[in-house]
């Protein structure tokens, strides 16, 4: 494409994000796989740099943001691709489709969102409803 981004369709027909992760693993040419949800428009590269510190320098298999209430953001992550692929294959055989089931089987760093971002309420904002979209518009207008 004109922006240097390759758009691919999921290879497997599953409900949920695991199908997208399987497709990403197949197309990813790097040893590391960054998951970036398309409905999180304010996520910034520096978050992945900080997650990379755990995977690359501290030898974790994956790094996943976590909120103080222990809610994780498993679709915003950085992982060693081959570790993720092995666990997903195993989970498919066991018919486990939750993304959280992947990270519980590998050496995962759960990183506080406030150590990743000065404003995680904005950077991790997930657009799932009309109200979320209106909030995103207000945020954009505030910064323009």
N, C-alpha and C. Protein backbone atom coordinates (compact mmCIF):
# COMPACT_ATOMS: atom_id res chain seq x y z
N UNK A 1 0.84 -1.19 0.00
CA UNK A 1 0.00 0.00 0.00
C UNK A 1 0.87 1.24 0.00
N UNK A 2 0.26 2.36 -0.15
CA UNK A 2 1.02 3.61 -0.25
C UNK A 2 1.71 3.97 1.07
N UNK A 3 1.28 3.38 2.19
CA UNK A 3 1.89 3.66 3.49
C UNK A 3 2.86 2.57 3.94
N UNK A 4 3.10 1.57 3.10
CA UNK A 4 4.03 0.51 3.45
C UNK A 4 3.46 -0.49 4.44
N UNK A 5 2.15 -0.56 4.52
CA UNK A 5 1.49 -1.48 5.45
C UNK A 5 0.81 -2.57 4.64
N UNK A 6 1.06 -3.80 5.00
CA UNK A 6 0.44 -4.93 4.32
C UNK A 6 -0.85 -5.29 5.06
N UNK A 7 -1.94 -5.36 4.34
CA UNK A 7 -3.23 -5.71 4.93
C UNK A 7 -3.53 -7.15 4.54
N UNK A 8 -3.81 -7.98 5.55
CA UNK A 8 -4.11 -9.39 5.30
C UNK A 8 -5.41 -9.77 6.00
N UNK A 9 -6.04 -10.80 5.48
CA UNK A 9 -7.25 -11.33 6.10
C UNK A 9 -6.90 -12.49 6.99
N UNK A 10 -7.68 -12.69 8.04
CA UNK A 10 -7.45 -13.81 8.94
C UNK A 10 -7.49 -15.12 8.18
N UNK A 11 -6.58 -16.02 8.50
CA UNK A 11 -6.47 -17.31 7.84
C UNK A 11 -7.47 -18.33 8.38
N UNK A 12 -7.89 -18.12 9.61
CA UNK A 12 -8.77 -19.08 10.29
C UNK A 12 -10.07 -18.37 10.65
N UNK A 13 -11.17 -19.05 10.50
CA UNK A 13 -12.47 -18.48 10.83
C UNK A 13 -12.82 -18.80 12.27
N UNK A 14 -12.43 -17.90 13.17
CA UNK A 14 -12.73 -18.04 14.60
C UNK A 14 -13.39 -16.75 15.06
N UNK A 15 -14.21 -16.84 16.04
CA UNK A 15 -14.73 -15.63 16.68
C UNK A 15 -13.68 -15.15 17.67
N UNK A 16 -13.31 -13.91 17.58
CA UNK A 16 -12.37 -13.36 18.54
C UNK A 16 -11.00 -13.09 17.96
N UNK A 17 -10.14 -12.51 18.77
CA UNK A 17 -8.84 -12.04 18.30
C UNK A 17 -7.79 -13.12 18.04
N UNK A 18 -8.00 -14.33 18.52
CA UNK A 18 -6.98 -15.37 18.31
C UNK A 18 -6.74 -15.61 16.82
N UNK A 19 -7.77 -15.52 16.00
CA UNK A 19 -7.60 -15.69 14.54
C UNK A 19 -6.63 -14.65 13.99
N UNK A 20 -6.77 -13.42 14.44
CA UNK A 20 -5.87 -12.36 14.00
C UNK A 20 -4.44 -12.58 14.47
N UNK A 21 -4.29 -13.11 15.68
CA UNK A 21 -2.95 -13.38 16.21
C UNK A 21 -2.29 -14.50 15.40
N UNK A 22 -3.06 -15.53 15.07
CA UNK A 22 -2.52 -16.63 14.25
C UNK A 22 -2.06 -16.10 12.90
N UNK A 23 -2.86 -15.25 12.29
CA UNK A 23 -2.49 -14.67 10.99
C UNK A 23 -1.25 -13.78 11.14
N UNK A 24 -1.19 -13.00 12.21
CA UNK A 24 -0.03 -12.13 12.43
C UNK A 24 1.25 -12.95 12.58
N UNK A 25 1.17 -14.06 13.31
CA UNK A 25 2.34 -14.93 13.47
C UNK A 25 2.81 -15.44 12.11
N UNK A 26 1.86 -15.82 11.27
CA UNK A 26 2.22 -16.36 9.96
C UNK A 26 2.92 -15.32 9.08
N UNK A 27 2.49 -14.07 9.15
CA UNK A 27 3.04 -13.04 8.28
C UNK A 27 4.22 -12.29 8.90
N UNK A 28 4.40 -12.39 10.20
CA UNK A 28 5.46 -11.66 10.89
C UNK A 28 6.82 -12.22 10.51
N UNK A 29 7.72 -11.35 10.05
CA UNK A 29 9.06 -11.78 9.64
C UNK A 29 10.09 -11.57 10.75
N UNK A 30 9.68 -10.99 11.85
CA UNK A 30 10.57 -10.70 12.97
C UNK A 30 10.48 -11.79 14.03
N UNK A 31 11.47 -11.83 14.91
CA UNK A 31 11.41 -12.74 16.06
C UNK A 31 10.40 -12.24 17.10
N UNK A 32 10.14 -10.94 17.08
CA UNK A 32 9.21 -10.33 18.03
C UNK A 32 7.91 -9.98 17.33
N UNK A 33 6.82 -10.16 18.05
CA UNK A 33 5.51 -9.83 17.50
C UNK A 33 4.84 -8.80 18.41
N UNK A 34 4.51 -7.66 17.84
CA UNK A 34 3.78 -6.62 18.57
C UNK A 34 2.32 -6.70 18.16
N UNK A 35 1.45 -6.82 19.15
CA UNK A 35 0.01 -6.78 18.88
C UNK A 35 -0.46 -5.35 19.13
N UNK A 36 -1.16 -4.82 18.13
CA UNK A 36 -1.66 -3.44 18.18
C UNK A 36 -3.12 -3.49 17.75
N UNK A 37 -4.04 -3.32 18.68
CA UNK A 37 -5.46 -3.41 18.30
C UNK A 37 -5.88 -2.22 17.44
N UNK A 38 -6.66 -2.51 16.42
CA UNK A 38 -7.09 -1.45 15.51
C UNK A 38 -8.09 -0.50 16.15
N UNK A 39 -8.69 -0.89 17.25
CA UNK A 39 -9.67 -0.01 17.90
C UNK A 39 -9.08 0.74 19.09
N UNK A 40 -7.76 0.88 19.10
CA UNK A 40 -7.06 1.65 20.14
C UNK A 40 -6.23 2.72 19.44
N UNK A 41 -6.88 3.81 19.01
CA UNK A 41 -6.23 4.76 18.10
C UNK A 41 -5.14 5.64 18.72
N UNK A 42 -5.08 5.73 20.04
CA UNK A 42 -4.12 6.64 20.66
C UNK A 42 -2.88 5.95 21.21
N UNK A 43 -2.74 4.65 20.96
CA UNK A 43 -1.58 3.90 21.43
C UNK A 43 -0.33 4.47 20.76
N UNK A 44 0.77 4.55 21.50
CA UNK A 44 1.99 5.15 20.97
C UNK A 44 3.14 4.16 20.99
N UNK A 45 4.10 4.40 20.11
CA UNK A 45 5.24 3.51 19.95
C UNK A 45 6.03 3.34 21.25
N UNK A 46 6.13 4.40 22.05
CA UNK A 46 6.94 4.32 23.27
C UNK A 46 6.46 3.23 24.22
N UNK A 47 5.19 2.88 24.16
CA UNK A 47 4.67 1.80 25.00
C UNK A 47 5.33 0.48 24.60
N UNK A 48 5.47 0.25 23.31
CA UNK A 48 6.10 -0.97 22.82
C UNK A 48 7.60 -0.99 23.10
N UNK A 49 8.22 0.18 23.09
CA UNK A 49 9.63 0.26 23.48
C UNK A 49 9.81 -0.19 24.93
N UNK A 50 8.92 0.27 25.79
CA UNK A 50 9.00 -0.11 27.21
C UNK A 50 8.67 -1.59 27.42
N UNK A 51 7.69 -2.10 26.68
CA UNK A 51 7.38 -3.53 26.76
C UNK A 51 8.58 -4.34 26.27
N UNK A 52 9.26 -3.83 25.26
CA UNK A 52 10.44 -4.50 24.72
C UNK A 52 11.55 -4.64 25.72
N UNK A 53 11.63 -3.72 26.67
CA UNK A 53 12.65 -3.82 27.71
C UNK A 53 12.48 -5.12 28.50
N UNK A 54 11.24 -5.51 28.74
CA UNK A 54 10.98 -6.74 29.49
C UNK A 54 11.30 -7.98 28.65
N UNK A 55 10.94 -7.95 27.39
CA UNK A 55 11.14 -9.12 26.53
C UNK A 55 12.62 -9.25 26.13
N UNK A 56 13.23 -8.16 25.74
CA UNK A 56 14.59 -8.22 25.21
C UNK A 56 15.64 -8.22 26.33
N UNK A 57 15.51 -7.33 27.28
CA UNK A 57 16.56 -7.18 28.30
C UNK A 57 16.32 -8.03 29.55
N UNK A 58 15.07 -8.32 29.85
CA UNK A 58 14.78 -9.07 31.08
C UNK A 58 14.35 -10.51 30.80
N UNK A 59 14.43 -10.92 29.54
CA UNK A 59 14.21 -12.31 29.14
C UNK A 59 12.82 -12.87 29.43
N UNK A 60 11.81 -12.05 29.32
CA UNK A 60 10.44 -12.56 29.36
C UNK A 60 10.06 -13.03 27.96
N UNK A 61 9.08 -13.92 27.88
CA UNK A 61 8.56 -14.36 26.59
C UNK A 61 7.56 -13.37 26.02
N UNK A 62 6.93 -12.60 26.92
CA UNK A 62 5.93 -11.61 26.51
C UNK A 62 5.83 -10.54 27.58
N UNK A 63 5.33 -9.39 27.17
CA UNK A 63 5.04 -8.30 28.10
C UNK A 63 3.65 -7.75 27.76
N UNK A 64 2.82 -7.63 28.80
CA UNK A 64 1.42 -7.24 28.65
C UNK A 64 1.11 -6.15 29.68
N UNK A 65 0.47 -5.05 29.26
CA UNK A 65 0.07 -4.03 30.22
C UNK A 65 -1.02 -4.54 31.17
N UNK A 66 -0.97 -4.05 32.40
CA UNK A 66 -1.99 -4.41 33.39
C UNK A 66 -2.37 -3.15 34.17
N UNK A 67 -3.67 -3.02 34.44
CA UNK A 67 -4.19 -1.90 35.23
C UNK A 67 -4.08 -2.23 36.71
N UNK A 68 -4.14 -1.24 37.59
CA UNK A 68 -4.06 -1.51 39.03
C UNK A 68 -5.14 -2.49 39.55
N UNK A 69 -6.27 -2.58 38.87
CA UNK A 69 -7.33 -3.52 39.28
C UNK A 69 -7.10 -4.93 38.72
N UNK A 70 -5.89 -5.16 38.15
CA UNK A 70 -5.47 -6.44 37.55
C UNK A 70 -6.13 -6.75 36.21
N UNK A 71 -6.83 -5.81 35.61
CA UNK A 71 -7.35 -5.99 34.26
C UNK A 71 -6.18 -5.88 33.29
N UNK A 72 -6.00 -6.90 32.47
CA UNK A 72 -4.88 -6.88 31.52
C UNK A 72 -5.33 -6.38 30.15
N UNK A 73 -4.36 -5.93 29.39
CA UNK A 73 -4.57 -5.48 28.01
C UNK A 73 -3.83 -6.46 27.09
N UNK A 74 -4.32 -7.70 26.95
CA UNK A 74 -3.56 -8.72 26.23
C UNK A 74 -3.40 -8.48 24.73
N UNK A 75 -4.20 -7.59 24.17
CA UNK A 75 -4.06 -7.30 22.74
C UNK A 75 -3.09 -6.15 22.48
N UNK A 76 -2.54 -5.58 23.55
CA UNK A 76 -1.45 -4.61 23.44
C UNK A 76 -0.27 -5.31 24.09
N UNK A 77 0.55 -5.93 23.26
CA UNK A 77 1.62 -6.74 23.84
C UNK A 77 2.81 -6.83 22.89
N UNK A 78 3.92 -7.28 23.46
CA UNK A 78 5.10 -7.62 22.68
C UNK A 78 5.52 -9.00 23.13
N UNK A 79 5.73 -9.91 22.17
CA UNK A 79 6.02 -11.31 22.50
C UNK A 79 7.09 -11.88 21.59
N UNK A 80 7.73 -12.93 22.07
CA UNK A 80 8.60 -13.72 21.21
C UNK A 80 7.67 -14.58 20.36
N UNK A 81 7.76 -14.40 19.06
CA UNK A 81 6.80 -15.02 18.15
C UNK A 81 6.74 -16.54 18.28
N UNK A 82 7.87 -17.21 18.35
CA UNK A 82 7.85 -18.68 18.38
C UNK A 82 7.22 -19.21 19.67
N UNK A 83 7.40 -18.51 20.78
CA UNK A 83 6.78 -18.92 22.05
C UNK A 83 5.26 -18.79 21.94
N UNK A 84 4.82 -17.68 21.37
CA UNK A 84 3.40 -17.45 21.18
C UNK A 84 2.80 -18.51 20.26
N UNK A 85 3.49 -18.82 19.17
CA UNK A 85 3.00 -19.81 18.21
C UNK A 85 2.83 -21.18 18.85
N UNK A 86 3.79 -21.59 19.67
CA UNK A 86 3.70 -22.91 20.34
C UNK A 86 2.49 -22.98 21.26
N UNK A 87 2.29 -21.95 22.04
CA UNK A 87 1.17 -21.94 22.99
C UNK A 87 -0.16 -21.90 22.26
N UNK A 88 -0.25 -21.12 21.20
CA UNK A 88 -1.50 -21.05 20.45
C UNK A 88 -1.83 -22.40 19.83
N UNK A 89 -0.83 -23.08 19.28
CA UNK A 89 -1.07 -24.42 18.72
C UNK A 89 -1.62 -25.36 19.78
N UNK A 90 -1.02 -25.31 20.95
CA UNK A 90 -1.47 -26.15 22.07
C UNK A 90 -2.89 -25.77 22.48
N UNK A 91 -3.16 -24.47 22.56
CA UNK A 91 -4.50 -24.01 22.96
C UNK A 91 -5.57 -24.39 21.94
N UNK A 92 -5.22 -24.39 20.67
CA UNK A 92 -6.19 -24.80 19.64
C UNK A 92 -6.56 -26.27 19.85
N UNK A 93 -5.56 -27.10 20.12
CA UNK A 93 -5.84 -28.52 20.39
C UNK A 93 -6.74 -28.68 21.62
N UNK A 94 -6.55 -27.79 22.61
CA UNK A 94 -7.34 -27.85 23.85
C UNK A 94 -8.64 -27.05 23.75
N UNK A 95 -8.88 -26.42 22.59
CA UNK A 95 -10.05 -25.58 22.34
C UNK A 95 -10.16 -24.43 23.34
N UNK A 96 -9.05 -23.80 23.61
CA UNK A 96 -9.00 -22.61 24.46
C UNK A 96 -8.81 -21.41 23.54
N UNK A 97 -9.77 -20.51 23.55
CA UNK A 97 -9.77 -19.41 22.59
C UNK A 97 -9.54 -18.05 23.23
N UNK A 98 -9.42 -17.97 24.53
CA UNK A 98 -9.21 -16.67 25.18
C UNK A 98 -7.74 -16.26 25.07
N UNK A 99 -7.51 -15.00 24.76
CA UNK A 99 -6.14 -14.50 24.63
C UNK A 99 -5.41 -14.63 25.97
N UNK A 100 -6.11 -14.43 27.07
CA UNK A 100 -5.48 -14.56 28.39
C UNK A 100 -4.90 -15.95 28.61
N UNK A 101 -5.51 -16.97 27.99
CA UNK A 101 -5.01 -18.34 28.13
C UNK A 101 -3.64 -18.52 27.50
N UNK A 102 -3.28 -17.64 26.58
CA UNK A 102 -1.96 -17.71 25.94
C UNK A 102 -0.89 -17.27 26.93
N UNK A 103 -1.08 -16.12 27.51
CA UNK A 103 -0.04 -15.52 28.33
C UNK A 103 0.17 -16.24 29.66
N UNK A 104 -0.84 -16.96 30.12
CA UNK A 104 -0.68 -17.69 31.37
C UNK A 104 0.24 -18.89 31.21
N UNK A 105 0.54 -19.28 29.96
CA UNK A 105 1.38 -20.45 29.72
C UNK A 105 2.83 -20.11 29.36
N UNK A 106 3.13 -18.85 29.22
CA UNK A 106 4.51 -18.45 28.93
C UNK A 106 4.97 -17.44 29.97
N UNK A 107 6.28 -17.22 30.01
CA UNK A 107 6.88 -16.32 31.00
C UNK A 107 6.53 -14.87 30.62
N UNK A 108 5.48 -14.35 31.24
CA UNK A 108 4.92 -13.05 30.85
C UNK A 108 5.16 -12.01 31.94
N UNK A 109 5.64 -10.86 31.53
CA UNK A 109 5.75 -9.71 32.43
C UNK A 109 4.45 -8.92 32.33
N UNK A 110 3.79 -8.72 33.46
CA UNK A 110 2.60 -7.89 33.50
C UNK A 110 3.05 -6.53 34.01
N UNK A 111 2.97 -5.53 33.13
CA UNK A 111 3.58 -4.23 33.38
C UNK A 111 2.49 -3.20 33.66
N UNK A 112 2.61 -2.52 34.78
CA UNK A 112 1.62 -1.51 35.17
C UNK A 112 1.50 -0.44 34.08
N UNK A 113 0.26 -0.15 33.70
CA UNK A 113 0.03 0.83 32.62
C UNK A 113 0.61 2.20 32.96
N UNK A 114 0.67 2.53 34.25
CA UNK A 114 1.19 3.84 34.64
C UNK A 114 2.71 3.91 34.53
N UNK A 115 3.38 2.78 34.44
CA UNK A 115 4.82 2.80 34.18
C UNK A 115 5.10 2.84 32.67
N UNK A 116 4.07 2.57 31.88
CA UNK A 116 4.20 2.61 30.42
C UNK A 116 3.78 3.93 29.82
N UNK A 117 2.90 4.64 30.51
CA UNK A 117 2.31 5.85 29.93
C UNK A 117 1.97 6.85 31.04
N UNK A 118 2.16 8.12 30.73
CA UNK A 118 1.75 9.17 31.66
C UNK A 118 0.25 9.38 31.61
N UNK A 119 -0.39 8.92 30.53
CA UNK A 119 -1.83 9.12 30.37
C UNK A 119 -2.47 7.86 29.77
N UNK A 120 -2.46 6.76 30.53
CA UNK A 120 -2.99 5.51 29.96
C UNK A 120 -4.48 5.54 29.66
N UNK A 121 -5.22 6.38 30.36
CA UNK A 121 -6.67 6.46 30.09
C UNK A 121 -6.93 6.89 28.65
N UNK A 122 -6.03 7.68 28.10
CA UNK A 122 -6.16 8.09 26.69
C UNK A 122 -5.45 7.09 25.78
N UNK A 123 -4.20 6.78 26.09
CA UNK A 123 -3.42 5.94 25.18
C UNK A 123 -3.98 4.52 25.04
N UNK A 124 -4.64 4.02 26.07
CA UNK A 124 -5.21 2.67 26.02
C UNK A 124 -6.71 2.68 25.74
N UNK A 125 -7.24 3.84 25.40
CA UNK A 125 -8.67 3.95 25.13
C UNK A 125 -9.07 3.04 23.97
N UNK A 126 -10.05 2.22 24.22
CA UNK A 126 -10.53 1.24 23.25
C UNK A 126 -11.89 1.71 22.74
N UNK A 127 -12.04 1.81 21.44
CA UNK A 127 -13.29 2.31 20.85
C UNK A 127 -14.22 1.13 20.55
N UNK A 128 -15.24 0.97 21.39
CA UNK A 128 -16.18 -0.14 21.24
C UNK A 128 -17.63 0.31 21.10
N UNK A 129 -17.87 1.60 21.27
CA UNK A 129 -19.25 2.08 21.23
C UNK A 129 -19.28 3.49 20.66
N UNK A 130 -20.47 3.95 20.39
CA UNK A 130 -20.64 5.32 19.90
C UNK A 130 -20.12 6.31 20.95
N UNK A 131 -20.37 6.02 22.22
CA UNK A 131 -19.90 6.90 23.30
C UNK A 131 -18.37 6.97 23.31
N UNK A 132 -17.71 5.82 23.10
CA UNK A 132 -16.25 5.80 23.04
C UNK A 132 -15.76 6.64 21.86
N UNK A 133 -16.46 6.54 20.74
CA UNK A 133 -16.09 7.31 19.56
C UNK A 133 -16.23 8.81 19.82
N UNK A 134 -17.29 9.20 20.49
CA UNK A 134 -17.48 10.61 20.84
C UNK A 134 -16.38 11.10 21.78
N UNK A 135 -16.00 10.26 22.74
CA UNK A 135 -14.90 10.61 23.64
C UNK A 135 -13.61 10.79 22.84
N UNK A 136 -13.34 9.90 21.90
CA UNK A 136 -12.14 10.01 21.06
C UNK A 136 -12.16 11.32 20.27
N UNK A 137 -13.31 11.69 19.75
CA UNK A 137 -13.42 12.96 19.01
C UNK A 137 -13.11 14.15 19.92
N UNK A 138 -13.61 14.10 21.15
CA UNK A 138 -13.32 15.19 22.10
C UNK A 138 -11.83 15.27 22.41
N UNK A 139 -11.19 14.12 22.55
CA UNK A 139 -9.75 14.09 22.82
C UNK A 139 -8.99 14.69 21.64
N UNK A 140 -9.36 14.31 20.43
CA UNK A 140 -8.70 14.84 19.24
C UNK A 140 -8.90 16.36 19.16
N UNK A 141 -10.11 16.82 19.40
CA UNK A 141 -10.38 18.26 19.35
C UNK A 141 -9.61 19.02 20.42
N UNK A 142 -9.41 18.40 21.56
CA UNK A 142 -8.67 19.04 22.65
C UNK A 142 -7.21 19.27 22.26
N UNK A 143 -6.64 18.36 21.46
CA UNK A 143 -5.23 18.46 21.10
C UNK A 143 -5.01 19.17 19.78
N UNK A 144 -6.08 19.54 19.07
CA UNK A 144 -5.93 20.28 17.81
C UNK A 144 -6.08 21.76 18.01
